[in-house]
Amino acid sequence: MSTKFSRNLIKGRIAEVVFEQMIREEGRYTVIPFGYENTVPTLAQYRNLVEIKRVINNISDAPDFALISGEKTKVYLVEVKYQSKLDKKRLKEYAEKLLKRWNPSWLFVATPNGFLCAPCKSIIQTGNIGSLSTAWVETKRQERYLKLLNEFEKR
């Protein structure tokens, strides 16, 4: 594995942890780790079952988290990405891929300049992604977690 691949993998994991902790701390949603990385290790113990391979293929593109609103009326499936420089073309590609299997779904992007988040459908239609809404995480908390994210970027 290349150093660049490993570095990007670590940045991606940091973005996931930042997202999860920031949302948990805000307290508006129940956060459920949902993605491939969290599900497959548990399923792997049953790999002798023929159906497991098919199940693993079906969840390989699963979003990273499911968020359940405090009043339990809404569920958001959220994929988390890190980009050191915002690449709208790649974001649109991520959104299209995610939306094929997981509709509706959202894309959260951590960048050194701030957090972005939008429904995949909106990203595909407009080619844009807006700032993370303060309805999800208040501004001061976002600022604190952005500072933390950028501490790792400097290393």
C-alpha atoms as a PDB file:
ATOM      1  CA  MET A   1       0.000   0.000   0.000  1.00  0.00           C
ATOM      2  CA  SER A   2       1.226   3.455  -0.833  1.00  0.00           C
ATOM      3  CA  THR A   3       1.819   6.110   1.793  1.00  0.00           C
ATOM      4  CA  LYS A   4      -0.631   8.397  -0.028  1.00  0.00           C
ATOM      5  CA  PHE A   5      -3.389   5.752   0.152  1.00  0.00           C
ATOM      6  CA  SER A   6      -2.726   5.188   3.869  1.00  0.00           C
ATOM      7  CA  ARG A   7      -2.694   8.931   4.573  1.00  0.00           C
ATOM      8  CA  ASN A   8      -6.030   9.406   2.789  1.00  0.00           C
ATOM      9  CA  LEU A   9      -7.525   6.420   4.617  1.00  0.00           C
ATOM     10  CA  ILE A  10      -6.488   7.898   7.967  1.00  0.00           C
ATOM     11  CA  LYS A  11      -7.898  11.326   7.044  1.00  0.00           C
ATOM     12  CA  GLY A  12     -11.171   9.648   6.083  1.00  0.00           C
ATOM     13  CA  ARG A  13     -11.349   7.848   9.425  1.00  0.00           C
ATOM     14  CA  ILE A  14     -10.605  11.088  11.272  1.00  0.00           C
ATOM     15  CA  ALA A  15     -13.450  12.785   9.378  1.00  0.00           C
ATOM     16  CA  GLU A  16     -15.788   9.935  10.400  1.00  0.00           C
ATOM     17  CA  VAL A  17     -14.792  10.236  14.066  1.00  0.00           C
ATOM     18  CA  VAL A  18     -15.156  14.028  13.978  1.00  0.00           C
ATOM     19  CA  PHE A  19     -18.621  13.703  12.415  1.00  0.00           C
ATOM     20  CA  GLU A  20     -19.751  11.031  14.868  1.00  0.00           C
ATOM     21  CA  GLN A  21     -18.504  12.853  17.969  1.00  0.00           C
ATOM     22  CA  MET A  22     -19.802  16.237  16.829  1.00  0.00           C
ATOM     23  CA  ILE A  23     -23.293  14.854  16.132  1.00  0.00           C
ATOM     24  CA  ARG A  24     -23.351  12.826  19.381  1.00  0.00           C
ATOM     25  CA  GLU A  25     -22.264  15.838  21.415  1.00  0.00           C
ATOM     26  CA  GLU A  26     -24.967  17.986  19.830  1.00  0.00           C
ATOM     27  CA  GLY A  27     -27.534  15.501  21.137  1.00  0.00           C
ATOM     28  CA  ARG A  28     -30.200  16.006  18.468  1.00  0.00           C
ATOM     29  CA  TYR A  29     -29.768  12.582  16.874  1.00  0.00           C
ATOM     30  CA  THR A  30     -29.075   9.001  17.826  1.00  0.00           C
ATOM     31  CA  VAL A  31     -25.940   8.059  15.879  1.00  0.00           C
ATOM     32  CA  ILE A  32     -25.661   4.516  14.564  1.00  0.00           C
ATOM     33  CA  PRO A  33     -22.442   3.437  12.819  1.00  0.00           C
ATOM     34  CA  PHE A  34     -23.881   1.828   9.732  1.00  0.00           C
ATOM     35  CA  GLY A  35     -21.254   1.440   7.043  1.00  0.00           C
ATOM     36  CA  TYR A  36     -19.404  -1.451   5.548  1.00  0.00           C
ATOM     37  CA  GLU A  37     -16.516  -1.142   7.996  1.00  0.00           C
ATOM     38  CA  ASN A  38     -18.846  -1.620  10.955  1.00  0.00           C
ATOM     39  CA  THR A  39     -21.051  -4.362   9.539  1.00  0.00           C
ATOM     40  CA  VAL A  40     -18.746  -6.699   7.631  1.00  0.00           C
ATOM     41  CA  PRO A  41     -16.432  -7.720  10.507  1.00  0.00           C
ATOM     42  CA  THR A  42     -19.452  -9.087  12.350  1.00  0.00           C
ATOM     43  CA  LEU A  43     -20.756 -10.851   9.233  1.00  0.00           C
ATOM     44  CA  ALA A  44     -17.319 -12.302   8.453  1.00  0.00           C
ATOM     45  CA  GLN A  45     -17.694 -14.919  11.168  1.00  0.00           C
ATOM     46  CA  TYR A  46     -20.480 -16.433   9.038  1.00  0.00           C
ATOM     47  CA  ARG A  47     -18.532 -16.381   5.778  1.00  0.00           C
ATOM     48  CA  ASN A  48     -19.139 -20.119   5.221  1.00  0.00           C
ATOM     49  CA  LEU A  49     -22.773 -19.344   4.488  1.00  0.00           C
ATOM     50  CA  VAL A  50     -23.357 -18.854   0.767  1.00  0.00           C
ATOM     51  CA  GLU A  51     -25.759 -15.968   1.393  1.00  0.00           C
ATOM     52  CA  ILE A  52     -23.154 -13.944   3.315  1.00  0.00           C
ATOM     53  CA  LYS A  53     -21.151 -13.120   0.180  1.00  0.00           C
ATOM     54  CA  ARG A  54     -24.284 -11.706  -1.475  1.00  0.00           C
ATOM     55  CA  VAL A  55     -25.188  -9.742   1.664  1.00  0.00           C
ATOM     56  CA  ILE A  56     -21.676  -8.299   1.917  1.00  0.00           C
ATOM     57  CA  ASN A  57     -21.861  -7.197  -1.729  1.00  0.00           C
ATOM     58  CA  ASN A  58     -25.193  -5.500  -1.060  1.00  0.00           C
ATOM     59  CA  ILE A  59     -23.852  -3.481   1.864  1.00  0.00           C
ATOM     60  CA  SER A  60     -20.454  -2.646   0.406  1.00  0.00           C
ATOM     61  CA  ASP A  61     -21.689   0.811  -0.577  1.00  0.00           C
ATOM     62  CA  ALA A  62     -23.638   1.471   2.619  1.00  0.00           C
ATOM     63  CA  PRO A  63     -23.451   4.976   4.109  1.00  0.00           C
ATOM     64  CA  ASP A  64     -21.251   5.394   7.184  1.00  0.00           C
ATOM     65  CA  PHE A  65     -23.987   6.418   9.628  1.00  0.00           C
ATOM     66  CA  ALA A  66     -27.693   6.365  10.258  1.00  0.00           C
ATOM     67  CA  LEU A  67     -28.973   9.317  12.283  1.00  0.00           C
ATOM     68  CA  ILE A  68     -32.332   9.092  14.009  1.00  0.00           C
ATOM     69  CA  SER A  69     -33.926  12.363  15.067  1.00  0.00           C
ATOM     70  CA  GLY A  70     -34.671  12.922  18.750  1.00  0.00           C
ATOM     71  CA  GLU A  71     -38.405  12.759  18.122  1.00  0.00           C
ATOM     72  CA  LYS A  72     -37.810   9.560  16.106  1.00  0.00           C
ATOM     73  CA  THR A  73     -39.626  10.903  13.056  1.00  0.00           C
ATOM     74  CA  LYS A  74     -36.685  11.153  10.652  1.00  0.00           C
ATOM     75  CA  VAL A  75     -33.789   8.928   9.656  1.00  0.00           C
ATOM     76  CA  TYR A  76     -30.799  10.233   7.732  1.00  0.00           C
ATOM     77  CA  LEU A  77     -28.308   7.921   6.025  1.00  0.00           C
ATOM     78  CA  VAL A  78     -25.023   9.820   5.851  1.00  0.00           C
ATOM     79  CA  GLU A  79     -21.814   9.080   3.977  1.00  0.00           C
ATOM     80  CA  VAL A  80     -18.760  10.904   5.375  1.00  0.00           C
ATOM     81  CA  LYS A  81     -15.873  12.073   3.190  1.00  0.00           C
ATOM     82  CA  TYR A  82     -12.746  14.156   3.694  1.00  0.00           C
ATOM     83  CA  GLN A  83     -11.433  16.465   0.977  1.00  0.00           C
ATOM     84  CA  SER A  84      -8.455  18.749   1.486  1.00  0.00           C
ATOM     85  CA  LYS A  85      -9.710  20.738  -1.525  1.00  0.00           C
ATOM     86  CA  LEU A  86     -13.357  20.615  -2.487  1.00  0.00           C
ATOM     87  CA  ASP A  87     -13.820  18.609  -5.673  1.00  0.00           C
ATOM     88  CA  LYS A  88     -17.426  19.104  -6.840  1.00  0.00           C
ATOM     89  CA  LYS A  89     -17.065  16.597  -9.678  1.00  0.00           C
ATOM     90  CA  ARG A  90     -16.051  13.827  -7.257  1.00  0.00           C
ATOM     91  CA  LEU A  91     -18.808  14.835  -4.831  1.00  0.00           C
ATOM     92  CA  LYS A  92     -21.363  14.446  -7.595  1.00  0.00           C
ATOM     93  CA  GLU A  93     -19.915  11.020  -8.442  1.00  0.00           C
ATOM     94  CA  TYR A  94     -20.088   9.961  -4.767  1.00  0.00           C
ATOM     95  CA  ALA A  95     -23.670  11.204  -4.550  1.00  0.00           C
ATOM     96  CA  GLU A  96     -24.738   9.357  -7.708  1.00  0.00           C
ATOM     97  CA  LYS A  97     -23.174   6.087  -6.541  1.00  0.00           C
ATOM     98  CA  LEU A  98     -24.700   6.374  -3.073  1.00  0.00           C
ATOM     99  CA  LEU A  99     -28.149   7.306  -4.320  1.00  0.00           C
ATOM    100  CA  LYS A 100     -28.345   4.222  -6.573  1.00  0.00           C
ATOM    101  CA  ARG A 101     -28.682   1.926  -3.542  1.00  0.00           C
ATOM    102  CA  TRP A 102     -29.528   4.251  -0.675  1.00  0.00           C
ATOM    103  CA  ASN A 103     -32.331   6.667  -1.405  1.00  0.00           C
ATOM    104  CA  PRO A 104     -32.618   9.062   0.292  1.00  0.00           C
ATOM    105  CA  SER A 105     -29.074   9.593   1.513  1.00  0.00           C
ATOM    106  CA  TRP A 106     -26.860  12.516   2.496  1.00  0.00           C
ATOM    107  CA  LEU A 107     -23.223  13.391   1.954  1.00  0.00           C
ATOM    108  CA  PHE A 108     -21.151  15.084   4.685  1.00  0.00           C
ATOM    109  CA  VAL A 109     -17.758  16.460   3.675  1.00  0.00           C
ATOM    110  CA  ALA A 110     -15.079  17.610   6.082  1.00  0.00           C
ATOM    111  CA  THR A 111     -12.653  20.135   4.602  1.00  0.00           C
ATOM    112  CA  PRO A 112      -9.992  22.308   6.241  1.00  0.00           C
ATOM    113  CA  ASN A 113     -12.300  25.297   5.609  1.00  0.00           C
ATOM    114  CA  GLY A 114     -15.482  23.872   7.098  1.00  0.00           C
ATOM    115  CA  PHE A 115     -18.092  21.146   7.122  1.00  0.00           C
ATOM    116  CA  LEU A 116     -20.484  20.657   4.220  1.00  0.00           C
ATOM    117  CA  CYS A 117     -23.611  18.543   4.036  1.00  0.00           C
ATOM    118  CA  ALA A 118     -26.532  18.035   1.645  1.00  0.00           C
ATOM    119  CA  PRO A 119     -28.893  15.390   0.342  1.00  0.00           C
ATOM    120  CA  CYS A 120     -27.325  13.418  -2.512  1.00  0.00           C
ATOM    121  CA  LYS A 121     -30.285  14.250  -4.733  1.00  0.00           C
ATOM    122  CA  SER A 122     -29.590  17.978  -4.296  1.00  0.00           C
ATOM    123  CA  ILE A 123     -25.866  17.553  -5.022  1.00  0.00           C
ATOM    124  CA  ILE A 124     -26.696  15.708  -8.244  1.00  0.00           C
ATOM    125  CA  GLN A 125     -29.270  18.285  -9.344  1.00  0.00           C
ATOM    126  CA  THR A 126     -27.275  21.437  -8.531  1.00  0.00           C
ATOM    127  CA  GLY A 127     -23.665  20.272  -8.529  1.00  0.00           C
ATOM    128  CA  ASN A 128     -23.228  22.076  -5.201  1.00  0.00           C
ATOM    129  CA  ILE A 129     -23.061  21.249  -1.528  1.00  0.00           C
ATOM    130  CA  GLY A 130     -23.795  23.760   1.224  1.00  0.00           C
ATOM    131  CA  SER A 131     -22.466  24.264   4.722  1.00  0.00           C
ATOM    132  CA  LEU A 132     -23.525  21.893   7.482  1.00  0.00           C
ATOM    133  CA  SER A 133     -26.798  23.260   8.825  1.00  0.00           C
ATOM    134  CA  THR A 134     -26.910  24.677  12.331  1.00  0.00           C
ATOM    135  CA  ALA A 135     -30.116  22.643  12.660  1.00  0.00           C
ATOM    136  CA  TRP A 136     -27.759  19.644  12.818  1.00  0.00           C
ATOM    137  CA  VAL A 137     -24.811  21.148  14.721  1.00  0.00           C
ATOM    138  CA  GLU A 138     -24.593  24.658  16.201  1.00  0.00           C
ATOM    139  CA  THR A 139     -21.881  26.997  14.911  1.00  0.00           C
ATOM    140  CA  LYS A 140     -19.606  27.047  17.980  1.00  0.00           C
ATOM    141  CA  ARG A 141     -19.451  23.256  18.082  1.00  0.00           C
ATOM    142  CA  GLN A 142     -18.656  23.124  14.370  1.00  0.00           C
ATOM    143  CA  GLU A 143     -15.848  25.646  14.910  1.00  0.00           C
ATOM    144  CA  ARG A 144     -14.393  23.571  17.760  1.00  0.00           C
ATOM    145  CA  TYR A 145     -14.431  20.366  15.732  1.00  0.00           C
ATOM    146  CA  LEU A 146     -13.020  22.092  12.655  1.00  0.00           C
ATOM    147  CA  LYS A 147     -10.096  23.279  14.752  1.00  0.00           C
ATOM    148  CA  LEU A 148      -9.587  19.714  15.961  1.00  0.00           C
ATOM    149  CA  LEU A 149      -9.754  18.353  12.403  1.00  0.00           C
ATOM    150  CA  ASN A 150      -7.166  20.885  11.267  1.00  0.00           C
ATOM    151  CA  GLU A 151      -4.796  19.924  14.084  1.00  0.00           C
ATOM    152  CA  PHE A 152      -4.517  16.494  12.463  1.00  0.00           C
ATOM    153  CA  GLU A 153      -4.070  18.008   9.005  1.00  0.00           C
ATOM    154  CA  LYS A 154      -0.958  19.915  10.127  1.00  0.00           C
ATOM    155  CA  ARG A 155       0.857  16.766  11.183  1.00  0.00           C
END
